Amino acid sequence: MAWFRYVKRSSSRAKRTPGKSYVAKGKKPRLGQGGRFKALKGALKKKGARTPGALAAWIGRKKYGKSKFQKMSVAGRRRKR
């Protein structure tokens, strides 16, 4: 499987705008596997977030909703054991 990660945008417009903007590169892992969450956490850490895991969880809950994100979270914790 190809590595999935977020990389900095290199366009001239992205360079002009304040802050750092990232774009997803590589084939995205299946939803619920934890790869997307891990990549987002890494990108947020690069941007300087104090708690990248908490911020990534907040973004996931906003995107997928409370119940769907909770199901993915439980599946990820089961897989870790």
Protein backbone atom coordinates (compact mmCIF):
# COMPACT_ATOMS: atom_id res chain seq x y z
CA MET A 1 0.00 0.00 0.00
CA ALA A 2 1.30 3.45 -0.90
CA TRP A 3 1.95 5.88 1.92
CA PHE A 4 -0.84 8.32 2.58
CA ARG A 5 0.13 11.67 4.03
CA TYR A 6 -0.52 15.36 3.87
CA VAL A 7 2.12 17.48 2.14
CA LYS A 8 2.50 21.25 1.79
CA ARG A 9 0.95 22.80 -1.27
CA SER A 10 3.51 24.19 -3.69
CA SER A 11 1.37 26.47 -5.85
CA SER A 12 2.14 30.17 -5.98
CA ARG A 13 -1.28 31.00 -4.53
CA ALA A 14 -0.73 28.69 -1.55
CA LYS A 15 2.67 30.28 -0.95
CA ARG A 16 1.13 33.77 -0.89
CA THR A 17 -1.58 32.96 1.65
CA PRO A 18 -0.71 33.16 5.34
CA GLY A 19 -0.39 29.89 7.26
CA LYS A 20 0.45 26.53 5.83
CA SER A 21 -1.93 24.65 3.58
CA TYR A 22 -1.67 20.91 3.01
CA VAL A 23 -3.04 18.52 0.40
CA ALA A 24 -3.56 14.75 0.65
CA LYS A 25 -1.11 12.62 -1.33
CA GLY A 26 -1.30 8.90 -2.01
CA LYS A 27 -4.20 6.46 -1.94
CA LYS A 28 -6.42 7.04 1.07
CA PRO A 29 -6.83 4.06 3.41
CA ARG A 30 -10.28 2.61 3.92
CA LEU A 31 -12.47 4.54 6.31
CA GLY A 32 -12.22 3.24 9.86
CA GLN A 33 -8.68 1.85 9.55
CA GLY A 34 -7.04 4.76 11.37
CA GLY A 35 -4.66 5.77 8.57
CA ARG A 36 -6.52 8.96 7.73
CA PHE A 37 -6.70 9.94 11.38
CA LYS A 38 -2.97 9.31 11.83
CA ALA A 39 -2.10 11.40 8.75
CA LEU A 40 -4.31 14.27 9.90
CA LYS A 41 -2.75 14.15 13.35
CA GLY A 42 0.71 14.38 11.79
CA ALA A 43 -0.26 17.34 9.62
CA LEU A 44 -1.80 19.16 12.58
CA LYS A 45 1.34 18.53 14.62
CA LYS A 46 3.47 20.04 11.83
CA LYS A 47 1.20 23.09 11.85
CA GLY A 48 1.88 23.54 15.56
CA ALA A 49 -1.27 22.25 17.25
CA ARG A 50 -0.76 21.69 20.98
CA THR A 51 -3.06 18.65 21.07
CA PRO A 52 -3.23 17.29 17.50
CA GLY A 53 -5.12 14.14 18.54
CA ALA A 54 -7.91 16.10 20.18
CA LEU A 55 -8.15 18.49 17.24
CA ALA A 56 -8.25 15.60 14.75
CA ALA A 57 -11.03 13.96 16.80
CA TRP A 58 -13.01 17.21 16.81
CA ILE A 59 -12.64 17.49 13.02
CA GLY A 60 -13.71 13.85 12.60
CA ARG A 61 -16.80 14.30 14.75
CA LYS A 62 -17.74 17.41 12.81
CA LYS A 63 -17.29 15.62 9.47
CA TYR A 64 -18.84 12.20 10.24
CA GLY A 65 -21.13 12.91 13.18
CA LYS A 66 -20.96 11.72 16.75
CA SER A 67 -22.24 8.16 16.31
CA LYS A 68 -20.31 7.23 13.15
CA PHE A 69 -17.05 8.66 14.48
CA GLN A 70 -17.55 6.86 17.79
CA LYS A 71 -17.98 3.53 15.95
CA MET A 72 -14.72 4.13 14.07
CA SER A 73 -12.97 5.06 17.31
CA VAL A 74 -14.10 1.88 19.05
CA ALA A 75 -12.98 -0.22 16.07
CA GLY A 76 -9.56 1.46 16.16
CA ARG A 77 -9.13 0.82 19.88
CA ARG A 78 -10.09 -2.85 19.42
CA ARG A 79 -7.51 -3.20 16.68
CA LYS A 80 -4.77 -1.76 18.95
CA ARG A 81 -5.15 -4.54 21.55
